[in-house]
Amino acid sequence: MARIARMFLFLCLLVASGAAVATVQARVAAASSLAFVLPEIVAAFRAQGGGAVEVSYGASGLLARQIQRGAPFELFLSANEAYVATLASTGLTRDAGAVYALGELVLFSATGGGIDPATPLQQLPALHEAGGLRRLALAHPEHAPYGIAARQALESSGAWRALQPALAVGESVAQAARFVTSGAAEAGLIAKSLAMQPAVAARGDFVPVKGELHAPLRQRMVLLPDAGPIAEAFYAFLLGTEAHAILARHGFGVP
């Protein structure tokens, strides 16, 4: 009996240690506009003694839907605070979260595409009709915050309906950027943070879209109910001066 008891205790210790191993990294859901900047922030966090952070990128609306369906994330970094508000209103977050960055929409034009990135949005339909603009890339206007902002900007400019045949819609703003850099579209409405990345910037140029043409891109994050100490520490780090400096260097405004 004593031997059986010792074996049982040993198995319990194994299970407990396995559970501990399973929680030694924070599980983060992040907007795809953060794909280039977040790895640098994670590295800075680790350099200061922070724990491991595992990041899953995607369109904010799709990530919010996964959270609603029970995805085991601990921290959600959205590119649109409306998705955080929706989750908070249904009790799926700890609180209302905090704004960690301010996004900016730009018109990016591929080198050799023949589109001046300073072209006013209201002139894009005429360029399309004349054959100068075959495809304009944007993120999905239903669940991607930069896609929603792109639609608002085009609607405000009176260009949305006329450009429907020209739109190349990506699931996320990162995919919309790939459409332009791959040559599938001559221009795109994408995040400034993506347009500034060397691999993207080397393939074109961009001009910011007037902010009054769309709702502000206030990027909000929130801890989820099962967040552990590493996720809590990373949340606090994202609100600090070092993370803000990295975000600013990558084209984000900071609160």
C-alpha atoms as a PDB file:
ATOM      1  CA  MET A   1       0.000   0.000   0.000  1.00  0.00           C
ATOM      2  CA  ALA A   2       2.851   2.353   0.835  1.00  0.00           C
ATOM      3  CA  ARG A   3       4.398   1.707  -2.589  1.00  0.00           C
ATOM      4  CA  ILE A   4       1.090   2.435  -4.323  1.00  0.00           C
ATOM      5  CA  ALA A   5       0.706   5.613  -2.298  1.00  0.00           C
ATOM      6  CA  ARG A   6       4.206   6.765  -3.322  1.00  0.00           C
ATOM      7  CA  MET A   7       3.412   6.048  -7.002  1.00  0.00           C
ATOM      8  CA  PHE A   8       0.172   8.000  -6.738  1.00  0.00           C
ATOM      9  CA  LEU A   9       1.986  10.946  -5.166  1.00  0.00           C
ATOM     10  CA  PHE A  10       4.614  10.813  -7.934  1.00  0.00           C
ATOM     11  CA  LEU A  11       1.915  10.887 -10.634  1.00  0.00           C
ATOM     12  CA  CYS A  12       0.219  13.824  -8.921  1.00  0.00           C
ATOM     13  CA  LEU A  13       3.513  15.719  -8.911  1.00  0.00           C
ATOM     14  CA  LEU A  14       3.964  14.999 -12.619  1.00  0.00           C
ATOM     15  CA  VAL A  15       0.500  16.325 -13.415  1.00  0.00           C
ATOM     16  CA  ALA A  16       1.119  19.420 -11.282  1.00  0.00           C
ATOM     17  CA  SER A  17       4.461  20.101 -12.952  1.00  0.00           C
ATOM     18  CA  GLY A  18       2.861  19.639 -16.366  1.00  0.00           C
ATOM     19  CA  ALA A  19       0.194  22.185 -15.481  1.00  0.00           C
ATOM     20  CA  ALA A  20       2.891  24.612 -14.369  1.00  0.00           C
ATOM     21  CA  VAL A  21       4.766  24.185 -17.650  1.00  0.00           C
ATOM     22  CA  ALA A  22       1.567  24.836 -19.561  1.00  0.00           C
ATOM     23  CA  THR A  23       1.164  28.265 -17.931  1.00  0.00           C
ATOM     24  CA  VAL A  24       4.709  29.644 -18.162  1.00  0.00           C
ATOM     25  CA  GLN A  25       3.877  31.785 -21.193  1.00  0.00           C
ATOM     26  CA  ALA A  26       1.227  34.396 -21.778  1.00  0.00           C
ATOM     27  CA  ARG A  27      -1.170  33.711 -24.638  1.00  0.00           C
ATOM     28  CA  VAL A  28      -1.827  36.946 -26.536  1.00  0.00           C
ATOM     29  CA  ALA A  29      -4.238  37.679 -29.394  1.00  0.00           C
ATOM     30  CA  ALA A  30      -3.006  40.692 -31.387  1.00  0.00           C
ATOM     31  CA  ALA A  31      -4.174  42.733 -34.371  1.00  0.00           C
ATOM     32  CA  SER A  32      -2.205  42.008 -37.532  1.00  0.00           C
ATOM     33  CA  SER A  33      -1.077  45.661 -37.726  1.00  0.00           C
ATOM     34  CA  LEU A  34       1.209  44.801 -34.784  1.00  0.00           C
ATOM     35  CA  ALA A  35       2.988  41.959 -36.574  1.00  0.00           C
ATOM     36  CA  PHE A  36       6.213  43.910 -37.088  1.00  0.00           C
ATOM     37  CA  VAL A  37       6.351  45.909 -33.853  1.00  0.00           C
ATOM     38  CA  LEU A  38       5.171  43.405 -31.242  1.00  0.00           C
ATOM     39  CA  PRO A  39       8.143  41.009 -31.563  1.00  0.00           C
ATOM     40  CA  GLU A  40      10.459  43.901 -30.632  1.00  0.00           C
ATOM     41  CA  ILE A  41       8.288  44.774 -27.641  1.00  0.00           C
ATOM     42  CA  VAL A  42       8.194  41.127 -26.547  1.00  0.00           C
ATOM     43  CA  ALA A  43      11.996  40.977 -26.795  1.00  0.00           C
ATOM     44  CA  ALA A  44      12.335  44.115 -24.663  1.00  0.00           C
ATOM     45  CA  PHE A  45       9.935  42.634 -22.111  1.00  0.00           C
ATOM     46  CA  ARG A  46      11.975  39.435 -21.935  1.00  0.00           C
ATOM     47  CA  ALA A  47      15.210  41.417 -21.611  1.00  0.00           C
ATOM     48  CA  GLN A  48      13.837  43.044 -18.475  1.00  0.00           C
ATOM     49  CA  GLY A  49      13.061  39.663 -16.913  1.00  0.00           C
ATOM     50  CA  GLY A  50       9.546  39.191 -18.240  1.00  0.00           C
ATOM     51  CA  GLY A  51       8.269  35.744 -19.124  1.00  0.00           C
ATOM     52  CA  ALA A  52       7.550  34.134 -22.476  1.00  0.00           C
ATOM     53  CA  VAL A  53       4.789  35.572 -24.658  1.00  0.00           C
ATOM     54  CA  GLU A  54       3.061  33.585 -27.404  1.00  0.00           C
ATOM     55  CA  VAL A  55       1.269  35.813 -29.931  1.00  0.00           C
ATOM     56  CA  SER A  56      -1.466  34.891 -32.415  1.00  0.00           C
ATOM     57  CA  TYR A  57      -2.109  37.564 -35.075  1.00  0.00           C
ATOM     58  CA  GLY A  58      -5.281  38.218 -37.037  1.00  0.00           C
ATOM     59  CA  ALA A  59      -8.020  40.705 -37.841  1.00  0.00           C
ATOM     60  CA  SER A  60      -9.343  42.131 -34.576  1.00  0.00           C
ATOM     61  CA  GLY A  61     -12.945  41.177 -35.321  1.00  0.00           C
ATOM     62  CA  LEU A  62     -12.016  37.564 -36.011  1.00  0.00           C
ATOM     63  CA  LEU A  63      -9.917  37.371 -32.845  1.00  0.00           C
ATOM     64  CA  ALA A  64     -12.790  38.829 -30.810  1.00  0.00           C
ATOM     65  CA  ARG A  65     -15.069  36.162 -32.253  1.00  0.00           C
ATOM     66  CA  GLN A  66     -12.589  33.461 -31.221  1.00  0.00           C
ATOM     67  CA  ILE A  67     -12.565  34.859 -27.687  1.00  0.00           C
ATOM     68  CA  GLN A  68     -16.347  34.794 -27.622  1.00  0.00           C
ATOM     69  CA  ARG A  69     -16.170  31.126 -28.577  1.00  0.00           C
ATOM     70  CA  GLY A  70     -13.793  30.324 -25.739  1.00  0.00           C
ATOM     71  CA  ALA A  71     -10.309  30.642 -27.258  1.00  0.00           C
ATOM     72  CA  PRO A  72      -7.798  30.410 -24.367  1.00  0.00           C
ATOM     73  CA  PHE A  73      -6.199  33.839 -24.723  1.00  0.00           C
ATOM     74  CA  GLU A  74      -5.122  35.902 -21.718  1.00  0.00           C
ATOM     75  CA  LEU A  75      -4.621  39.297 -23.343  1.00  0.00           C
ATOM     76  CA  PHE A  76      -6.312  40.844 -26.385  1.00  0.00           C
ATOM     77  CA  LEU A  77      -4.644  43.696 -28.308  1.00  0.00           C
ATOM     78  CA  SER A  78      -7.253  45.069 -30.668  1.00  0.00           C
ATOM     79  CA  ALA A  79      -6.791  47.643 -33.429  1.00  0.00           C
ATOM     80  CA  ASN A  80     -10.266  48.979 -32.663  1.00  0.00           C
ATOM     81  CA  GLU A  81     -11.546  49.659 -29.165  1.00  0.00           C
ATOM     82  CA  ALA A  82     -15.108  48.786 -30.183  1.00  0.00           C
ATOM     83  CA  TYR A  83     -14.284  45.064 -30.129  1.00  0.00           C
ATOM     84  CA  VAL A  84     -12.920  45.360 -26.582  1.00  0.00           C
ATOM     85  CA  ALA A  85     -16.066  47.253 -25.526  1.00  0.00           C
ATOM     86  CA  THR A  86     -18.262  44.491 -26.933  1.00  0.00           C
ATOM     87  CA  LEU A  87     -16.353  41.784 -25.066  1.00  0.00           C
ATOM     88  CA  ALA A  88     -16.396  43.823 -21.857  1.00  0.00           C
ATOM     89  CA  SER A  89     -20.144  44.400 -22.090  1.00  0.00           C
ATOM     90  CA  THR A  90     -20.742  40.651 -22.093  1.00  0.00           C
ATOM     91  CA  GLY A  91     -18.457  39.943 -19.142  1.00  0.00           C
ATOM     92  CA  LEU A  92     -15.666  38.307 -21.142  1.00  0.00           C
ATOM     93  CA  THR A  93     -12.921  40.648 -19.904  1.00  0.00           C
ATOM     94  CA  ARG A  94     -11.595  41.770 -16.537  1.00  0.00           C
ATOM     95  CA  ASP A  95     -12.416  45.418 -17.163  1.00  0.00           C
ATOM     96  CA  ALA A  96     -12.601  48.006 -19.948  1.00  0.00           C
ATOM     97  CA  GLY A  97      -8.875  47.766 -20.716  1.00  0.00           C
ATOM     98  CA  ALA A  98      -6.639  50.628 -21.848  1.00  0.00           C
ATOM     99  CA  VAL A  99      -5.637  52.395 -25.075  1.00  0.00           C
ATOM    100  CA  TYR A 100      -2.061  51.376 -25.882  1.00  0.00           C
ATOM    101  CA  ALA A 101      -1.593  52.954 -29.340  1.00  0.00           C
ATOM    102  CA  LEU A 102      -3.187  55.180 -31.963  1.00  0.00           C
ATOM    103  CA  GLY A 103      -3.238  53.860 -35.513  1.00  0.00           C
ATOM    104  CA  GLU A 104      -3.053  55.787 -38.783  1.00  0.00           C
ATOM    105  CA  LEU A 105      -4.467  54.903 -42.189  1.00  0.00           C
ATOM    106  CA  VAL A 106      -2.376  55.642 -45.299  1.00  0.00           C
ATOM    107  CA  LEU A 107      -2.703  55.322 -49.050  1.00  0.00           C
ATOM    108  CA  PHE A 108       0.210  53.155 -50.151  1.00  0.00           C
ATOM    109  CA  SER A 109       1.222  53.099 -53.817  1.00  0.00           C
ATOM    110  CA  ALA A 110       3.430  50.402 -55.293  1.00  0.00           C
ATOM    111  CA  THR A 111       6.526  51.498 -57.190  1.00  0.00           C
ATOM    112  CA  GLY A 112       5.773  51.376 -60.906  1.00  0.00           C
ATOM    113  CA  GLY A 113       2.034  51.151 -60.286  1.00  0.00           C
ATOM    114  CA  GLY A 114       1.432  54.588 -61.707  1.00  0.00           C
ATOM    115  CA  ILE A 115      -0.570  55.874 -58.717  1.00  0.00           C
ATOM    116  CA  ASP A 116       0.566  58.982 -56.861  1.00  0.00           C
ATOM    117  CA  PRO A 117       0.031  58.238 -53.134  1.00  0.00           C
ATOM    118  CA  ALA A 118      -0.914  61.901 -52.645  1.00  0.00           C
ATOM    119  CA  THR A 119      -3.947  61.424 -54.912  1.00  0.00           C
ATOM    120  CA  PRO A 120      -7.137  62.549 -53.103  1.00  0.00           C
ATOM    121  CA  LEU A 121      -9.438  59.576 -52.495  1.00  0.00           C
ATOM    122  CA  GLN A 122     -12.266  61.210 -54.415  1.00  0.00           C
ATOM    123  CA  GLN A 123     -10.147  61.018 -57.582  1.00  0.00           C
ATOM    124  CA  LEU A 124      -9.574  57.268 -57.384  1.00  0.00           C
ATOM    125  CA  PRO A 125     -12.813  56.298 -59.218  1.00  0.00           C
ATOM    126  CA  ALA A 126     -11.755  58.390 -62.216  1.00  0.00           C
ATOM    127  CA  LEU A 127      -8.362  56.666 -62.235  1.00  0.00           C
ATOM    128  CA  HIS A 128     -10.092  53.302 -62.166  1.00  0.00           C
ATOM    129  CA  GLU A 129     -12.389  54.203 -65.047  1.00  0.00           C
ATOM    130  CA  ALA A 130      -9.398  55.409 -67.070  1.00  0.00           C
ATOM    131  CA  GLY A 131      -7.575  52.121 -66.481  1.00  0.00           C
ATOM    132  CA  GLY A 132      -4.874  53.587 -64.274  1.00  0.00           C
ATOM    133  CA  LEU A 133      -6.067  51.793 -61.142  1.00  0.00           C
ATOM    134  CA  ARG A 134      -7.036  48.159 -61.618  1.00  0.00           C
ATOM    135  CA  ARG A 135      -7.048  47.106 -57.968  1.00  0.00           C
ATOM    136  CA  LEU A 136      -7.168  48.955 -54.654  1.00  0.00           C
ATOM    137  CA  ALA A 137      -6.370  46.765 -51.654  1.00  0.00           C
ATOM    138  CA  LEU A 138      -7.937  47.129 -48.228  1.00  0.00           C
ATOM    139  CA  ALA A 139      -8.620  44.968 -45.195  1.00  0.00           C
ATOM    140  CA  HIS A 140     -12.053  43.424 -44.742  1.00  0.00           C
ATOM    141  CA  PRO A 141     -14.483  46.295 -44.017  1.00  0.00           C
ATOM    142  CA  GLU A 142     -16.638  44.139 -41.752  1.00  0.00           C
ATOM    143  CA  HIS A 143     -14.181  42.804 -39.162  1.00  0.00           C
ATOM    144  CA  ALA A 144     -10.756  44.426 -39.721  1.00  0.00           C
ATOM    145  CA  PRO A 145     -10.446  47.876 -38.061  1.00  0.00           C
ATOM    146  CA  TYR A 146      -8.230  49.313 -40.818  1.00  0.00           C
ATOM    147  CA  GLY A 147     -10.705  47.967 -43.368  1.00  0.00           C
ATOM    148  CA  ILE A 148     -13.552  49.670 -41.523  1.00  0.00           C
ATOM    149  CA  ALA A 149     -11.560  52.922 -41.513  1.00  0.00           C
ATOM    150  CA  ALA A 150     -10.768  52.517 -45.230  1.00  0.00           C
ATOM    151  CA  ARG A 151     -14.453  52.096 -46.057  1.00  0.00           C
ATOM    152  CA  GLN A 152     -15.357  55.138 -43.946  1.00  0.00           C
ATOM    153  CA  ALA A 153     -12.684  57.227 -45.690  1.00  0.00           C
ATOM    154  CA  LEU A 154     -13.873  56.167 -49.137  1.00  0.00           C
ATOM    155  CA  GLU A 155     -17.502  56.780 -48.205  1.00  0.00           C
ATOM    156  CA  SER A 156     -16.628  60.218 -46.829  1.00  0.00           C
ATOM    157  CA  SER A 157     -14.867  60.950 -50.132  1.00  0.00           C
ATOM    158  CA  GLY A 158     -17.803  59.744 -52.218  1.00  0.00           C
ATOM    159  CA  ALA A 159     -15.660  57.016 -53.796  1.00  0.00           C
ATOM    160  CA  TRP A 160     -16.876  53.830 -52.097  1.00  0.00           C
ATOM    161  CA  ARG A 161     -19.644  52.726 -54.482  1.00  0.00           C
ATOM    162  CA  ALA A 162     -17.770  53.620 -57.669  1.00  0.00           C
ATOM    163  CA  LEU A 163     -14.699  51.637 -56.564  1.00  0.00           C
ATOM    164  CA  GLN A 164     -16.503  48.375 -55.780  1.00  0.00           C
ATOM    165  CA  PRO A 165     -15.231  46.606 -58.952  1.00  0.00           C
ATOM    166  CA  ALA A 166     -11.646  47.612 -58.100  1.00  0.00           C
ATOM    167  CA  LEU A 167     -11.479  46.474 -54.470  1.00  0.00           C
ATOM    168  CA  ALA A 168      -9.101  43.676 -53.481  1.00  0.00           C
ATOM    169  CA  VAL A 169     -10.238  42.720 -49.985  1.00  0.00           C
ATOM    170  CA  GLY A 170      -7.907  40.943 -47.570  1.00  0.00           C
ATOM    171  CA  GLU A 171      -8.911  39.190 -44.354  1.00  0.00           C
ATOM    172  CA  SER A 172      -6.558  41.499 -42.448  1.00  0.00           C
ATOM    173  CA  VAL A 173      -4.612  44.689 -43.089  1.00  0.00           C
ATOM    174  CA  ALA A 174      -1.426  42.605 -43.318  1.00  0.00           C
ATOM    175  CA  GLN A 175      -2.921  40.640 -46.213  1.00  0.00           C
ATOM    176  CA  ALA A 176      -4.031  43.882 -47.880  1.00  0.00           C
ATOM    177  CA  ALA A 177      -0.438  45.119 -47.672  1.00  0.00           C
ATOM    178  CA  ARG A 178       0.756  41.877 -49.287  1.00  0.00           C
ATOM    179  CA  PHE A 179      -1.650  42.449 -52.185  1.00  0.00           C
ATOM    180  CA  VAL A 180       0.137  45.721 -52.973  1.00  0.00           C
ATOM    181  CA  THR A 181       3.705  44.538 -52.436  1.00  0.00           C
ATOM    182  CA  SER A 182       3.089  41.404 -54.530  1.00  0.00           C
ATOM    183  CA  GLY A 183       1.749  43.384 -57.496  1.00  0.00           C
ATOM    184  CA  ALA A 184      -1.826  42.131 -57.130  1.00  0.00           C
ATOM    185  CA  ALA A 185      -2.927  45.745 -56.548  1.00  0.00           C
ATOM    186  CA  GLU A 186      -1.416  49.069 -57.583  1.00  0.00           C
ATOM    187  CA  ALA A 187      -2.381  50.769 -54.329  1.00  0.00           C
ATOM    188  CA  GLY A 188      -3.877  50.035 -50.955  1.00  0.00           C
ATOM    189  CA  LEU A 189      -5.354  51.627 -47.854  1.00  0.00           C
ATOM    190  CA  ILE A 190      -3.254  50.095 -45.101  1.00  0.00           C
ATOM    191  CA  ALA A 191      -1.766  50.804 -41.667  1.00  0.00           C
ATOM    192  CA  LYS A 192       1.107  53.271 -41.454  1.00  0.00           C
ATOM    193  CA  SER A 193       2.887  50.791 -39.177  1.00  0.00           C
ATOM    194  CA  LEU A 194       2.972  48.281 -42.040  1.00  0.00           C
ATOM    195  CA  ALA A 195       3.821  50.845 -44.737  1.00  0.00           C
ATOM    196  CA  MET A 196       6.899  51.898 -42.730  1.00  0.00           C
ATOM    197  CA  GLN A 197       8.394  48.415 -42.490  1.00  0.00           C
ATOM    198  CA  PRO A 198      11.528  48.068 -44.654  1.00  0.00           C
ATOM    199  CA  ALA A 199      10.188  45.148 -46.709  1.00  0.00           C
ATOM    200  CA  VAL A 200       7.049  47.148 -47.550  1.00  0.00           C
ATOM    201  CA  ALA A 201       8.606  50.608 -47.803  1.00  0.00           C
ATOM    202  CA  ALA A 202      11.116  49.304 -50.350  1.00  0.00           C
ATOM    203  CA  ARG A 203       8.231  48.543 -52.714  1.00  0.00           C
ATOM    204  CA  GLY A 204       6.412  51.859 -52.714  1.00  0.00           C
ATOM    205  CA  ASP A 205       5.511  55.087 -50.979  1.00  0.00           C
ATOM    206  CA  PHE A 206       2.621  56.341 -48.867  1.00  0.00           C
ATOM    207  CA  VAL A 207       0.731  59.434 -47.759  1.00  0.00           C
ATOM    208  CA  PRO A 208      -1.504  59.577 -44.662  1.00  0.00           C
ATOM    209  CA  VAL A 209      -5.260  59.695 -45.201  1.00  0.00           C
ATOM    210  CA  LYS A 210      -6.918  62.720 -43.608  1.00  0.00           C
ATOM    211  CA  GLY A 211      -7.990  61.733 -40.122  1.00  0.00           C
ATOM    212  CA  GLU A 212     -11.356  63.461 -40.379  1.00  0.00           C
ATOM    213  CA  LEU A 213     -12.421  61.017 -43.102  1.00  0.00           C
ATOM    214  CA  HIS A 214     -12.779  58.106 -40.678  1.00  0.00           C
ATOM    215  CA  ALA A 215     -13.284  57.299 -37.004  1.00  0.00           C
ATOM    216  CA  PRO A 216     -10.107  57.393 -34.870  1.00  0.00           C
ATOM    217  CA  LEU A 217      -8.133  54.145 -34.747  1.00  0.00           C
ATOM    218  CA  ARG A 218      -7.815  53.934 -30.965  1.00  0.00           C
ATOM    219  CA  GLN A 219      -6.120  50.600 -30.336  1.00  0.00           C
ATOM    220  CA  ARG A 220      -7.245  49.176 -27.005  1.00  0.00           C
ATOM    221  CA  MET A 221      -6.071  46.120 -25.102  1.00  0.00           C
ATOM    222  CA  VAL A 222      -7.711  44.179 -22.309  1.00  0.00           C
ATOM    223  CA  LEU A 223      -6.905  41.324 -19.952  1.00  0.00           C
ATOM    224  CA  LEU A 224      -9.190  38.318 -20.125  1.00  0.00           C
ATOM    225  CA  PRO A 225     -10.518  36.502 -17.037  1.00  0.00           C
ATOM    226  CA  ASP A 226      -7.900  33.723 -17.035  1.00  0.00           C
ATOM    227  CA  ALA A 227      -4.897  36.062 -17.420  1.00  0.00           C
ATOM    228  CA  GLY A 228      -1.883  34.984 -15.395  1.00  0.00           C
ATOM    229  CA  PRO A 229       1.003  36.973 -13.897  1.00  0.00           C
ATOM    230  CA  ILE A 230       3.019  37.070 -17.148  1.00  0.00           C
ATOM    231  CA  ALA A 231       0.080  38.463 -19.119  1.00  0.00           C
ATOM    232  CA  GLU A 232      -0.535  41.018 -16.372  1.00  0.00           C
ATOM    233  CA  ALA A 233       3.107  42.080 -16.410  1.00  0.00           C
ATOM    234  CA  PHE A 234       3.137  42.348 -20.219  1.00  0.00           C
ATOM    235  CA  TYR A 235      -0.030  44.468 -20.096  1.00  0.00           C
ATOM    236  CA  ALA A 236       1.685  46.870 -17.705  1.00  0.00           C
ATOM    237  CA  PHE A 237       4.842  46.899 -19.857  1.00  0.00           C
ATOM    238  CA  LEU A 238       2.829  47.918 -22.928  1.00  0.00           C
ATOM    239  CA  LEU A 239       1.721  51.041 -21.077  1.00  0.00           C
ATOM    240  CA  GLY A 240       5.291  52.031 -20.175  1.00  0.00           C
ATOM    241  CA  THR A 241       7.732  54.420 -21.802  1.00  0.00           C
ATOM    242  CA  GLU A 242       9.916  51.745 -23.429  1.00  0.00           C
ATOM    243  CA  ALA A 243       7.012  50.096 -25.226  1.00  0.00           C
ATOM    244  CA  HIS A 244       5.648  53.512 -26.241  1.00  0.00           C
ATOM    245  CA  ALA A 245       9.013  54.454 -27.739  1.00  0.00           C
ATOM    246  CA  ILE A 246       9.060  51.263 -29.807  1.00  0.00           C
ATOM    247  CA  LEU A 247       5.468  51.826 -30.972  1.00  0.00           C
ATOM    248  CA  ALA A 248       6.267  55.420 -31.991  1.00  0.00           C
ATOM    249  CA  ARG A 249       9.320  54.273 -33.936  1.00  0.00           C
ATOM    250  CA  HIS A 250       7.089  51.917 -35.908  1.00  0.00           C
ATOM    251  CA  GLY A 251       4.544  54.542 -36.912  1.00  0.00           C
ATOM    252  CA  PHE A 252       2.009  54.428 -34.089  1.00  0.00           C
ATOM    253  CA  GLY A 253       0.795  57.322 -32.044  1.00  0.00           C
ATOM    254  CA  VAL A 254       0.849  56.716 -28.288  1.00  0.00           C
ATOM    255  CA  PRO A 255      -1.719  57.794 -25.702  1.00  0.00           C
END
